[in-house]
């Protein structure tokens, strides 16, 4: 875990946790554990995280994962992966309609200004003539 842990910083700056110091400290601890193996932990459930770190409190992991700041942090990485996979699917032409649906859902979810456009072209199969 590096010096600058984004998730810990987000939790430390979270106004909802300013008044509840005990929960804030717990979430900072969880953020450190979660971020230390982010790639492996990003898809784990509260039960799996509790088992992995032997905290004995899966419900607190569940609350941590559902906390707005943490959820947005995780969703950012999950959405990025989903968009990348959709782009790959579009590139190889496999299930293009599903990939486009995923992209549309992500766009709606993020509701951000984005000037990128997707152009899908279907070219007819090349015909060979005997000359």
N, C-alpha and C. Protein backbone atom coordinates (compact mmCIF):
# COMPACT_ATOMS: atom_id res chain seq x y z
N UNK A 1 0.85 -1.18 0.00
CA UNK A 1 0.00 0.00 0.00
C UNK A 1 0.89 1.23 0.00
N UNK A 2 0.59 2.14 -0.93
CA UNK A 2 1.42 3.32 -1.06
C UNK A 2 1.11 4.37 -0.01
N UNK A 3 1.95 5.39 0.04
CA UNK A 3 1.77 6.49 0.99
C UNK A 3 0.42 7.18 0.79
N UNK A 4 0.08 7.38 -0.47
CA UNK A 4 -1.14 8.12 -0.79
C UNK A 4 -2.24 7.13 -1.15
N UNK A 5 -3.09 6.83 -0.20
CA UNK A 5 -4.18 5.87 -0.41
C UNK A 5 -5.45 6.65 -0.66
N UNK A 6 -5.93 6.61 -1.89
CA UNK A 6 -7.09 7.42 -2.28
C UNK A 6 -8.34 7.09 -1.47
N UNK A 7 -8.60 5.80 -1.26
CA UNK A 7 -9.80 5.41 -0.52
C UNK A 7 -9.74 5.91 0.93
N UNK A 8 -8.60 5.78 1.56
CA UNK A 8 -8.46 6.30 2.93
C UNK A 8 -8.69 7.81 2.95
N UNK A 9 -8.11 8.50 1.98
CA UNK A 9 -8.31 9.96 1.91
C UNK A 9 -9.78 10.32 1.73
N UNK A 10 -10.49 9.56 0.88
CA UNK A 10 -11.91 9.82 0.67
C UNK A 10 -12.70 9.63 1.96
N UNK A 11 -12.37 8.61 2.71
CA UNK A 11 -13.07 8.34 3.97
C UNK A 11 -12.74 9.41 5.01
N UNK A 12 -11.49 9.83 5.06
CA UNK A 12 -11.09 10.87 6.03
C UNK A 12 -11.80 12.20 5.73
N UNK A 13 -12.09 12.45 4.45
CA UNK A 13 -12.74 13.70 4.07
C UNK A 13 -14.27 13.60 4.07
N UNK A 14 -14.81 12.41 4.29
CA UNK A 14 -16.25 12.18 4.24
C UNK A 14 -16.95 12.87 5.41
N UNK A 15 -17.85 13.78 5.10
CA UNK A 15 -18.54 14.55 6.13
C UNK A 15 -19.49 13.69 6.96
N UNK A 16 -20.04 12.62 6.35
CA UNK A 16 -20.94 11.72 7.08
C UNK A 16 -20.22 11.03 8.24
N UNK A 17 -18.94 10.80 8.09
CA UNK A 17 -18.19 10.06 9.11
C UNK A 17 -17.48 10.97 10.11
N UNK A 18 -17.54 12.26 9.91
CA UNK A 18 -16.84 13.20 10.82
C UNK A 18 -17.33 13.07 12.26
N UNK A 19 -18.64 12.87 12.42
CA UNK A 19 -19.21 12.83 13.77
C UNK A 19 -19.09 11.45 14.42
N UNK A 20 -19.03 10.41 13.62
CA UNK A 20 -18.93 9.06 14.16
C UNK A 20 -17.48 8.60 14.06
N UNK A 21 -16.69 8.97 15.03
CA UNK A 21 -15.25 8.72 15.00
C UNK A 21 -14.93 7.22 15.01
N UNK A 22 -15.70 6.45 15.76
CA UNK A 22 -15.45 5.01 15.83
C UNK A 22 -15.67 4.35 14.47
N UNK A 23 -16.76 4.67 13.81
CA UNK A 23 -17.03 4.11 12.48
C UNK A 23 -16.00 4.60 11.48
N UNK A 24 -15.65 5.88 11.58
CA UNK A 24 -14.64 6.45 10.68
C UNK A 24 -13.33 5.70 10.79
N UNK A 25 -12.90 5.42 12.02
CA UNK A 25 -11.64 4.71 12.23
C UNK A 25 -11.73 3.28 11.69
N UNK A 26 -12.87 2.62 11.89
CA UNK A 26 -13.08 1.27 11.37
C UNK A 26 -12.99 1.28 9.84
N UNK A 27 -13.65 2.25 9.21
CA UNK A 27 -13.65 2.33 7.75
C UNK A 27 -12.26 2.66 7.21
N UNK A 28 -11.50 3.45 7.94
CA UNK A 28 -10.12 3.75 7.52
C UNK A 28 -9.30 2.46 7.56
N UNK A 29 -9.49 1.65 8.60
CA UNK A 29 -8.80 0.36 8.70
C UNK A 29 -9.21 -0.55 7.55
N UNK A 30 -10.51 -0.65 7.31
CA UNK A 30 -11.02 -1.48 6.21
C UNK A 30 -10.49 -0.98 4.87
N UNK A 31 -10.44 0.34 4.69
CA UNK A 31 -9.96 0.91 3.44
C UNK A 31 -8.50 0.53 3.20
N UNK A 32 -7.71 0.53 4.25
CA UNK A 32 -6.31 0.12 4.13
C UNK A 32 -6.19 -1.33 3.71
N UNK A 33 -6.99 -2.20 4.35
CA UNK A 33 -6.98 -3.62 3.99
C UNK A 33 -7.48 -3.80 2.56
N UNK A 34 -8.58 -3.17 2.24
CA UNK A 34 -9.20 -3.32 0.93
C UNK A 34 -8.26 -2.84 -0.18
N UNK A 35 -7.64 -1.70 0.02
CA UNK A 35 -6.76 -1.11 -0.99
C UNK A 35 -5.45 -1.85 -1.13
N UNK A 36 -5.03 -2.52 -0.09
CA UNK A 36 -3.74 -3.21 -0.15
C UNK A 36 -3.72 -4.30 -1.21
N UNK A 37 -4.87 -4.86 -1.50
CA UNK A 37 -4.99 -5.88 -2.55
C UNK A 37 -6.22 -5.55 -3.40
N UNK A 38 -6.26 -4.35 -3.91
CA UNK A 38 -7.43 -3.83 -4.60
C UNK A 38 -7.89 -4.73 -5.74
N UNK A 39 -6.96 -5.19 -6.57
CA UNK A 39 -7.33 -6.00 -7.72
C UNK A 39 -8.04 -7.29 -7.29
N UNK A 40 -7.54 -7.90 -6.23
CA UNK A 40 -8.16 -9.13 -5.73
C UNK A 40 -9.45 -8.87 -4.96
N UNK A 41 -9.51 -7.75 -4.27
CA UNK A 41 -10.65 -7.46 -3.39
C UNK A 41 -11.85 -6.82 -4.09
N UNK A 42 -11.65 -6.26 -5.25
CA UNK A 42 -12.69 -5.46 -5.90
C UNK A 42 -13.98 -6.24 -6.14
N UNK A 43 -13.88 -7.55 -6.32
CA UNK A 43 -15.07 -8.36 -6.61
C UNK A 43 -15.53 -9.20 -5.43
N UNK A 44 -14.90 -9.05 -4.28
CA UNK A 44 -15.26 -9.87 -3.12
C UNK A 44 -16.49 -9.31 -2.39
N UNK A 45 -17.25 -10.20 -1.80
CA UNK A 45 -18.41 -9.81 -0.99
C UNK A 45 -17.97 -9.51 0.44
N UNK A 46 -18.89 -9.02 1.23
CA UNK A 46 -18.59 -8.74 2.64
C UNK A 46 -18.21 -10.02 3.37
N UNK A 47 -18.86 -11.11 3.07
CA UNK A 47 -18.54 -12.40 3.71
C UNK A 47 -17.14 -12.86 3.33
N UNK A 48 -16.78 -12.70 2.07
CA UNK A 48 -15.46 -13.11 1.61
C UNK A 48 -14.36 -12.23 2.21
N UNK A 49 -14.62 -10.93 2.31
CA UNK A 49 -13.64 -10.03 2.91
C UNK A 49 -13.46 -10.33 4.40
N UNK A 50 -14.56 -10.61 5.08
CA UNK A 50 -14.50 -10.96 6.49
C UNK A 50 -13.69 -12.23 6.70
N UNK A 51 -13.91 -13.21 5.84
CA UNK A 51 -13.17 -14.47 5.93
C UNK A 51 -11.69 -14.26 5.61
N UNK A 52 -11.41 -13.46 4.61
CA UNK A 52 -10.03 -13.21 4.19
C UNK A 52 -9.22 -12.50 5.28
N UNK A 53 -9.82 -11.50 5.92
CA UNK A 53 -9.10 -10.69 6.91
C UNK A 53 -9.41 -11.07 8.35
N UNK A 54 -10.26 -12.10 8.54
CA UNK A 54 -10.57 -12.64 9.88
C UNK A 54 -11.00 -11.54 10.85
N UNK A 55 -11.91 -10.68 10.40
CA UNK A 55 -12.37 -9.58 11.26
C UNK A 55 -13.53 -10.00 12.15
N UNK A 56 -14.21 -11.07 11.80
CA UNK A 56 -15.31 -11.56 12.63
C UNK A 56 -16.54 -10.68 12.62
N UNK A 57 -16.67 -9.84 11.59
CA UNK A 57 -17.82 -8.94 11.54
C UNK A 57 -18.21 -8.65 10.09
N UNK A 58 -18.85 -9.62 9.42
CA UNK A 58 -19.20 -9.40 8.02
C UNK A 58 -20.20 -8.27 7.81
N UNK A 59 -21.04 -8.00 8.79
CA UNK A 59 -22.02 -6.92 8.62
C UNK A 59 -21.33 -5.55 8.57
N UNK A 60 -20.22 -5.40 9.27
CA UNK A 60 -19.51 -4.12 9.19
C UNK A 60 -18.83 -3.98 7.81
N UNK A 61 -18.36 -5.08 7.24
CA UNK A 61 -17.83 -5.05 5.87
C UNK A 61 -18.94 -4.69 4.90
N UNK A 62 -20.13 -5.23 5.13
CA UNK A 62 -21.26 -4.93 4.26
C UNK A 62 -21.59 -3.44 4.31
N UNK A 63 -21.63 -2.87 5.50
CA UNK A 63 -21.89 -1.44 5.64
C UNK A 63 -20.79 -0.62 4.99
N UNK A 64 -19.55 -1.07 5.15
CA UNK A 64 -18.40 -0.39 4.53
C UNK A 64 -18.56 -0.38 3.01
N UNK A 65 -18.86 -1.53 2.42
CA UNK A 65 -18.98 -1.63 0.97
C UNK A 65 -20.15 -0.83 0.42
N UNK A 66 -21.20 -0.63 1.23
CA UNK A 66 -22.37 0.12 0.79
C UNK A 66 -22.28 1.61 1.12
N UNK A 67 -21.28 2.00 1.88
CA UNK A 67 -21.11 3.41 2.21
C UNK A 67 -20.88 4.20 0.92
N UNK A 68 -21.55 5.34 0.77
CA UNK A 68 -21.55 6.09 -0.49
C UNK A 68 -20.16 6.32 -1.08
N UNK A 69 -19.24 6.79 -0.27
CA UNK A 69 -17.89 7.10 -0.76
C UNK A 69 -17.20 5.83 -1.25
N UNK A 70 -17.32 4.76 -0.50
CA UNK A 70 -16.68 3.50 -0.86
C UNK A 70 -17.34 2.91 -2.10
N UNK A 71 -18.65 2.95 -2.14
CA UNK A 71 -19.40 2.40 -3.28
C UNK A 71 -19.03 3.12 -4.57
N UNK A 72 -18.96 4.44 -4.53
CA UNK A 72 -18.57 5.20 -5.73
C UNK A 72 -17.14 4.86 -6.15
N UNK A 73 -16.26 4.69 -5.19
CA UNK A 73 -14.86 4.34 -5.47
C UNK A 73 -14.80 2.99 -6.19
N UNK A 74 -15.50 1.99 -5.65
CA UNK A 74 -15.49 0.65 -6.23
C UNK A 74 -16.20 0.67 -7.58
N UNK A 75 -17.35 1.33 -7.65
CA UNK A 75 -18.11 1.39 -8.90
C UNK A 75 -17.29 2.00 -10.04
N UNK A 76 -16.44 2.94 -9.71
CA UNK A 76 -15.59 3.55 -10.74
C UNK A 76 -14.71 2.52 -11.42
N UNK A 77 -14.11 1.63 -10.64
CA UNK A 77 -13.26 0.58 -11.20
C UNK A 77 -14.07 -0.49 -11.93
N UNK A 78 -15.20 -0.86 -11.35
CA UNK A 78 -16.06 -1.88 -11.97
C UNK A 78 -16.62 -1.35 -13.29
N UNK A 79 -17.07 -0.10 -13.30
CA UNK A 79 -17.60 0.50 -14.53
C UNK A 79 -16.51 0.61 -15.60
N UNK A 80 -15.31 0.96 -15.17
CA UNK A 80 -14.20 1.06 -16.11
C UNK A 80 -13.93 -0.30 -16.77
N UNK A 81 -13.94 -1.35 -15.98
CA UNK A 81 -13.71 -2.70 -16.50
C UNK A 81 -14.85 -3.10 -17.45
N UNK A 82 -16.09 -2.80 -17.07
CA UNK A 82 -17.24 -3.14 -17.91
C UNK A 82 -17.17 -2.41 -19.25
N UNK A 83 -16.80 -1.15 -19.20
CA UNK A 83 -16.71 -0.37 -20.44
C UNK A 83 -15.59 -0.91 -21.34
N UNK A 84 -14.47 -1.26 -20.73
CA UNK A 84 -13.36 -1.82 -21.50
C UNK A 84 -13.78 -3.13 -22.17
N UNK A 85 -14.47 -3.99 -21.42
CA UNK A 85 -14.93 -5.25 -21.98
C UNK A 85 -15.95 -5.03 -23.10
N UNK A 86 -16.81 -4.05 -22.93
CA UNK A 86 -17.79 -3.73 -23.97
C UNK A 86 -17.07 -3.23 -25.23
N UNK A 87 -16.06 -2.39 -25.05
CA UNK A 87 -15.30 -1.89 -26.19
C UNK A 87 -14.59 -3.03 -26.92
N UNK A 88 -14.05 -3.96 -26.16
CA UNK A 88 -13.40 -5.12 -26.78
C UNK A 88 -14.41 -5.95 -27.57
N UNK A 89 -15.59 -6.14 -27.00
CA UNK A 89 -16.62 -6.92 -27.68
C UNK A 89 -17.06 -6.24 -28.97
N UNK A 90 -17.16 -4.93 -28.95
CA UNK A 90 -17.52 -4.18 -30.16
C UNK A 90 -16.42 -4.34 -31.20
N UNK A 91 -15.18 -4.29 -30.75
CA UNK A 91 -14.04 -4.40 -31.66
C UNK A 91 -13.97 -5.72 -32.39
N UNK A 92 -14.34 -6.79 -31.74
CA UNK A 92 -14.29 -8.11 -32.40
C UNK A 92 -15.62 -8.49 -33.01
N UNK A 93 -16.64 -7.67 -32.82
CA UNK A 93 -17.94 -7.90 -33.44
C UNK A 93 -18.78 -8.96 -32.76
N UNK A 94 -18.37 -9.41 -31.59
CA UNK A 94 -19.14 -10.43 -30.88
C UNK A 94 -20.20 -9.76 -30.02
N UNK A 95 -21.44 -10.17 -30.22
CA UNK A 95 -22.55 -9.66 -29.44
C UNK A 95 -22.53 -8.13 -29.34
N UNK A 96 -22.44 -7.49 -30.48
CA UNK A 96 -22.33 -6.04 -30.53
C UNK A 96 -23.51 -5.36 -29.84
N UNK A 97 -24.71 -5.90 -30.02
CA UNK A 97 -25.87 -5.25 -29.41
C UNK A 97 -25.78 -5.28 -27.88
N UNK A 98 -25.29 -6.39 -27.32
CA UNK A 98 -25.11 -6.46 -25.86
C UNK A 98 -24.06 -5.48 -25.39
N UNK A 99 -22.97 -5.38 -26.13
CA UNK A 99 -21.90 -4.45 -25.76
C UNK A 99 -22.40 -3.01 -25.82
N UNK A 100 -23.19 -2.70 -26.83
CA UNK A 100 -23.73 -1.34 -26.94
C UNK A 100 -24.71 -1.04 -25.81
N UNK A 101 -25.48 -2.04 -25.39
CA UNK A 101 -26.40 -1.86 -24.27
C UNK A 101 -25.62 -1.57 -22.98
N UNK A 102 -24.53 -2.29 -22.79
CA UNK A 102 -23.69 -2.06 -21.61
C UNK A 102 -23.14 -0.64 -21.64
N UNK A 103 -22.64 -0.23 -22.78
CA UNK A 103 -22.10 1.13 -22.90
C UNK A 103 -23.18 2.17 -22.60
N UNK A 104 -24.40 1.95 -23.11
CA UNK A 104 -25.50 2.89 -22.87
C UNK A 104 -25.86 2.95 -21.39
N UNK A 105 -25.89 1.79 -20.73
CA UNK A 105 -26.21 1.76 -19.31
C UNK A 105 -25.14 2.48 -18.50
N UNK A 106 -23.89 2.28 -18.84
CA UNK A 106 -22.81 2.97 -18.14
C UNK A 106 -22.89 4.47 -18.36
N UNK A 107 -23.24 4.85 -19.58
CA UNK A 107 -23.36 6.28 -19.88
C UNK A 107 -24.47 6.91 -19.05
N UNK A 108 -25.61 6.22 -18.96
CA UNK A 108 -26.72 6.72 -18.15
C UNK A 108 -26.32 6.79 -16.68
N UNK A 109 -25.62 5.76 -16.22
CA UNK A 109 -25.22 5.70 -14.80
C UNK A 109 -24.28 6.84 -14.45
N UNK A 110 -23.32 7.07 -15.28
CA UNK A 110 -22.35 8.13 -15.01
C UNK A 110 -22.93 9.51 -15.23
N UNK A 111 -23.89 9.60 -16.17
CA UNK A 111 -24.57 10.85 -16.45
C UNK A 111 -23.59 12.01 -16.56
N UNK A 112 -22.50 11.73 -17.22
CA UNK A 112 -21.46 12.75 -17.36
C UNK A 112 -21.41 13.23 -18.81
N UNK A 113 -20.88 14.42 -18.99
CA UNK A 113 -20.71 14.94 -20.33
C UNK A 113 -19.58 14.18 -21.00
N UNK A 114 -19.89 13.61 -22.14
CA UNK A 114 -18.91 12.84 -22.87
C UNK A 114 -19.12 13.12 -24.35
N UNK A 115 -18.09 13.56 -25.00
CA UNK A 115 -18.20 13.90 -26.41
C UNK A 115 -17.85 12.74 -27.33
N UNK A 116 -17.56 11.59 -26.78
CA UNK A 116 -17.19 10.46 -27.64
C UNK A 116 -18.43 9.88 -28.30
N UNK A 117 -18.25 9.40 -29.49
CA UNK A 117 -19.33 8.79 -30.25
C UNK A 117 -18.91 7.39 -30.66
N UNK A 118 -19.89 6.54 -30.75
CA UNK A 118 -19.62 5.18 -31.19
C UNK A 118 -20.25 5.02 -32.57
N UNK A 119 -19.46 4.58 -33.50
CA UNK A 119 -19.96 4.33 -34.84
C UNK A 119 -19.79 2.85 -35.11
N UNK A 120 -20.90 2.20 -35.42
CA UNK A 120 -20.87 0.78 -35.73
C UNK A 120 -21.22 0.64 -37.19
N UNK A 121 -20.34 0.00 -37.92
CA UNK A 121 -20.58 -0.18 -39.35
C UNK A 121 -20.60 -1.66 -39.65
N UNK A 122 -21.59 -2.07 -40.37
CA UNK A 122 -21.67 -3.45 -40.82
C UNK A 122 -21.39 -3.46 -42.31
N UNK A 123 -20.30 -4.11 -42.68
CA UNK A 123 -19.91 -4.18 -44.07
C UNK A 123 -20.39 -5.50 -44.65
N UNK A 124 -20.88 -5.45 -45.87
CA UNK A 124 -21.32 -6.72 -46.46
C UNK A 124 -20.11 -7.62 -46.70
N UNK A 125 -20.35 -8.88 -46.68
CA UNK A 125 -19.28 -9.83 -46.89
C UNK A 125 -18.79 -9.70 -48.34
N UNK A 126 -17.50 -9.74 -48.50
CA UNK A 126 -16.90 -9.57 -49.80
C UNK A 126 -17.30 -10.74 -50.70
N UNK A 127 -17.77 -10.41 -51.88
CA UNK A 127 -18.14 -11.45 -52.82
C UNK A 127 -16.99 -11.70 -53.79
N UNK A 128 -16.73 -12.92 -54.05
CA UNK A 128 -15.67 -13.28 -54.98
C UNK A 128 -16.30 -13.76 -56.28
N UNK A 129 -15.83 -13.21 -57.38
CA UNK A 129 -16.35 -13.58 -58.70
C UNK A 129 -15.27 -14.34 -59.45
N UNK A 130 -15.68 -15.34 -60.13
CA UNK A 130 -14.75 -16.06 -61.00
C UNK A 130 -14.58 -15.27 -62.30
N UNK A 131 -13.39 -14.94 -62.63
CA UNK A 131 -13.15 -14.18 -63.84
C UNK A 131 -12.45 -15.03 -64.85
